[in-house]
């Protein structure tokens, strides 16, 4: 089972925000840190694929910020 990590969305924030709300995933947004959420790796892979296929977010960038 994948461990839960902290992720940051660098672009397509509104699309990522909408997807997270539809999936009931808590997230936070601030000017300094951007859009940050916690989820397992498999969820992020599925989300990136869905956003690329459904919304055309070809250059979506989600960064693992877990330290």
N, C-alpha and C. Protein backbone atom coordinates (compact mmCIF):
# COMPACT_ATOMS: atom_id res chain seq x y z
N UNK A 1 0.84 -1.19 0.00
CA UNK A 1 0.00 0.00 0.00
C UNK A 1 0.88 1.24 0.00
N UNK A 2 0.49 2.24 -0.77
CA UNK A 2 1.26 3.48 -0.87
C UNK A 2 1.11 4.30 0.40
N UNK A 3 2.21 4.95 0.77
CA UNK A 3 2.14 5.86 1.90
C UNK A 3 1.55 7.18 1.45
N UNK A 4 0.96 7.90 2.37
CA UNK A 4 0.35 9.18 2.05
C UNK A 4 1.45 10.24 2.07
N UNK A 5 1.51 11.03 1.00
CA UNK A 5 2.52 12.07 0.85
C UNK A 5 1.84 13.42 0.69
N UNK A 6 2.64 14.45 0.82
CA UNK A 6 2.14 15.81 0.63
C UNK A 6 2.54 16.27 -0.77
N UNK A 7 1.59 16.85 -1.50
CA UNK A 7 1.78 17.22 -2.89
C UNK A 7 1.46 18.69 -3.09
N UNK A 8 2.07 19.27 -4.13
CA UNK A 8 1.82 20.67 -4.49
C UNK A 8 1.51 20.74 -5.99
N UNK A 9 0.44 21.44 -6.33
CA UNK A 9 0.08 21.64 -7.74
C UNK A 9 0.69 22.97 -8.20
N UNK A 10 1.54 22.89 -9.23
CA UNK A 10 2.20 24.09 -9.75
C UNK A 10 1.40 24.84 -10.80
N UNK A 11 0.60 24.12 -11.56
CA UNK A 11 -0.20 24.76 -12.60
C UNK A 11 -1.56 24.08 -12.67
N UNK A 12 -2.46 24.62 -13.48
CA UNK A 12 -3.83 24.12 -13.59
C UNK A 12 -4.50 24.02 -12.21
N UNK A 13 -4.26 25.00 -11.36
CA UNK A 13 -4.77 24.94 -9.98
C UNK A 13 -6.28 24.82 -9.91
N UNK A 14 -6.99 25.53 -10.76
CA UNK A 14 -8.46 25.48 -10.69
C UNK A 14 -8.97 24.09 -11.08
N UNK A 15 -8.35 23.46 -12.05
CA UNK A 15 -8.76 22.10 -12.45
C UNK A 15 -8.43 21.11 -11.34
N UNK A 16 -7.24 21.22 -10.75
CA UNK A 16 -6.85 20.33 -9.66
C UNK A 16 -7.76 20.54 -8.46
N UNK A 17 -8.07 21.79 -8.15
CA UNK A 17 -8.95 22.11 -7.03
C UNK A 17 -10.33 21.48 -7.24
N UNK A 18 -10.88 21.62 -8.44
CA UNK A 18 -12.18 21.01 -8.75
C UNK A 18 -12.15 19.50 -8.62
N UNK A 19 -11.09 18.88 -9.11
CA UNK A 19 -10.96 17.42 -9.03
C UNK A 19 -10.88 16.97 -7.57
N UNK A 20 -10.09 17.68 -6.76
CA UNK A 20 -9.96 17.32 -5.35
C UNK A 20 -11.30 17.47 -4.62
N UNK A 21 -12.06 18.52 -4.94
CA UNK A 21 -13.37 18.69 -4.31
C UNK A 21 -14.33 17.57 -4.70
N UNK A 22 -14.30 17.17 -5.96
CA UNK A 22 -15.16 16.06 -6.40
C UNK A 22 -14.81 14.75 -5.71
N UNK A 23 -13.54 14.57 -5.37
CA UNK A 23 -13.08 13.34 -4.73
C UNK A 23 -13.07 13.44 -3.20
N UNK A 24 -13.52 14.57 -2.66
CA UNK A 24 -13.56 14.81 -1.20
C UNK A 24 -12.18 14.72 -0.55
N UNK A 25 -11.18 15.27 -1.23
CA UNK A 25 -9.81 15.31 -0.70
C UNK A 25 -9.56 16.70 -0.12
N UNK A 26 -9.18 16.79 1.15
CA UNK A 26 -8.92 18.12 1.73
C UNK A 26 -7.64 18.72 1.15
N UNK A 27 -7.64 20.04 1.01
CA UNK A 27 -6.49 20.75 0.48
C UNK A 27 -6.44 22.14 1.09
N UNK A 28 -5.31 22.81 0.88
CA UNK A 28 -5.19 24.19 1.34
C UNK A 28 -4.53 25.01 0.24
N UNK A 29 -4.80 26.30 0.25
CA UNK A 29 -4.20 27.21 -0.71
C UNK A 29 -3.76 28.48 -0.02
N UNK A 30 -2.54 28.91 -0.32
CA UNK A 30 -2.05 30.21 0.14
C UNK A 30 -1.14 30.76 -0.94
N UNK A 31 -0.91 32.05 -0.91
CA UNK A 31 -0.05 32.69 -1.90
C UNK A 31 1.38 32.15 -1.82
N UNK A 32 1.86 31.87 -0.61
CA UNK A 32 3.23 31.41 -0.42
C UNK A 32 3.43 29.96 -0.86
N UNK A 33 2.54 29.08 -0.40
CA UNK A 33 2.74 27.64 -0.64
C UNK A 33 1.96 27.09 -1.81
N UNK A 34 0.99 27.82 -2.31
CA UNK A 34 0.18 27.35 -3.44
C UNK A 34 -0.87 26.35 -3.01
N UNK A 35 -1.27 25.47 -3.91
CA UNK A 35 -2.29 24.45 -3.65
C UNK A 35 -1.60 23.19 -3.14
N UNK A 36 -1.86 22.84 -1.88
CA UNK A 36 -1.20 21.71 -1.22
C UNK A 36 -2.26 20.73 -0.74
N UNK A 37 -2.00 19.43 -0.94
CA UNK A 37 -2.92 18.38 -0.48
C UNK A 37 -2.13 17.13 -0.15
N UNK A 38 -2.76 16.21 0.58
CA UNK A 38 -2.14 14.94 0.92
C UNK A 38 -2.93 13.81 0.29
N UNK A 39 -2.18 12.85 -0.28
CA UNK A 39 -2.82 11.71 -0.95
C UNK A 39 -1.74 10.67 -1.25
N UNK A 40 -2.16 9.41 -1.46
CA UNK A 40 -1.19 8.39 -1.87
C UNK A 40 -0.77 8.58 -3.33
N UNK A 41 0.35 8.00 -3.70
CA UNK A 41 0.90 8.14 -5.05
C UNK A 41 -0.06 7.66 -6.12
N UNK A 42 -0.75 6.53 -5.87
CA UNK A 42 -1.65 5.99 -6.89
C UNK A 42 -2.80 6.94 -7.19
N UNK A 43 -3.27 7.70 -6.18
CA UNK A 43 -4.33 8.67 -6.41
C UNK A 43 -3.84 9.80 -7.31
N UNK A 44 -2.62 10.27 -7.05
CA UNK A 44 -2.07 11.38 -7.84
C UNK A 44 -1.86 10.94 -9.29
N UNK A 45 -1.38 9.72 -9.49
CA UNK A 45 -1.20 9.20 -10.85
C UNK A 45 -2.54 9.14 -11.59
N UNK A 46 -3.57 8.67 -10.89
CA UNK A 46 -4.91 8.60 -11.48
C UNK A 46 -5.45 9.99 -11.78
N UNK A 47 -5.23 10.93 -10.86
CA UNK A 47 -5.70 12.29 -11.05
C UNK A 47 -5.02 12.95 -12.24
N UNK A 48 -3.71 12.81 -12.35
CA UNK A 48 -2.96 13.40 -13.47
C UNK A 48 -3.47 12.83 -14.79
N UNK A 49 -3.66 11.52 -14.86
CA UNK A 49 -4.16 10.90 -16.08
C UNK A 49 -5.56 11.43 -16.43
N UNK A 50 -6.43 11.49 -15.44
CA UNK A 50 -7.80 11.98 -15.67
C UNK A 50 -7.81 13.43 -16.15
N UNK A 51 -6.98 14.27 -15.55
CA UNK A 51 -6.95 15.68 -15.95
C UNK A 51 -6.36 15.85 -17.34
N UNK A 52 -5.38 15.03 -17.70
CA UNK A 52 -4.81 15.10 -19.04
C UNK A 52 -5.84 14.67 -20.09
N UNK A 53 -6.55 13.58 -19.83
CA UNK A 53 -7.50 13.05 -20.80
C UNK A 53 -8.78 13.86 -20.86
N UNK A 54 -9.34 14.19 -19.71
CA UNK A 54 -10.65 14.85 -19.66
C UNK A 54 -10.60 16.36 -19.90
N UNK A 55 -9.56 17.02 -19.37
CA UNK A 55 -9.51 18.48 -19.43
C UNK A 55 -8.40 19.02 -20.31
N UNK A 56 -7.58 18.16 -20.89
CA UNK A 56 -6.50 18.61 -21.76
C UNK A 56 -5.36 19.29 -21.03
N UNK A 57 -5.15 18.93 -19.79
CA UNK A 57 -4.06 19.52 -19.00
C UNK A 57 -2.76 18.75 -19.30
N UNK A 58 -2.24 18.93 -20.50
CA UNK A 58 -1.11 18.12 -20.97
C UNK A 58 0.17 18.34 -20.17
N UNK A 59 0.38 19.55 -19.69
CA UNK A 59 1.63 19.86 -18.98
C UNK A 59 1.41 20.04 -17.49
N UNK A 60 0.50 19.28 -16.93
CA UNK A 60 0.21 19.38 -15.50
C UNK A 60 1.44 18.98 -14.69
N UNK A 61 1.67 19.71 -13.61
CA UNK A 61 2.86 19.50 -12.80
C UNK A 61 2.46 19.38 -11.34
N UNK A 62 2.56 18.17 -10.80
CA UNK A 62 2.28 17.90 -9.39
C UNK A 62 3.60 17.47 -8.75
N UNK A 63 4.01 18.16 -7.68
CA UNK A 63 5.30 17.91 -7.06
C UNK A 63 5.12 17.30 -5.68
N UNK A 64 5.92 16.26 -5.40
CA UNK A 64 5.95 15.63 -4.07
C UNK A 64 6.79 16.53 -3.16
N UNK A 65 6.19 17.08 -2.11
CA UNK A 65 6.93 17.96 -1.20
C UNK A 65 7.15 17.31 0.16
N UNK A 66 6.92 16.00 0.26
CA UNK A 66 7.15 15.28 1.50
C UNK A 66 8.65 15.26 1.78
N UNK A 67 9.02 15.52 3.01
CA UNK A 67 10.45 15.52 3.35
C UNK A 67 10.75 14.53 4.43
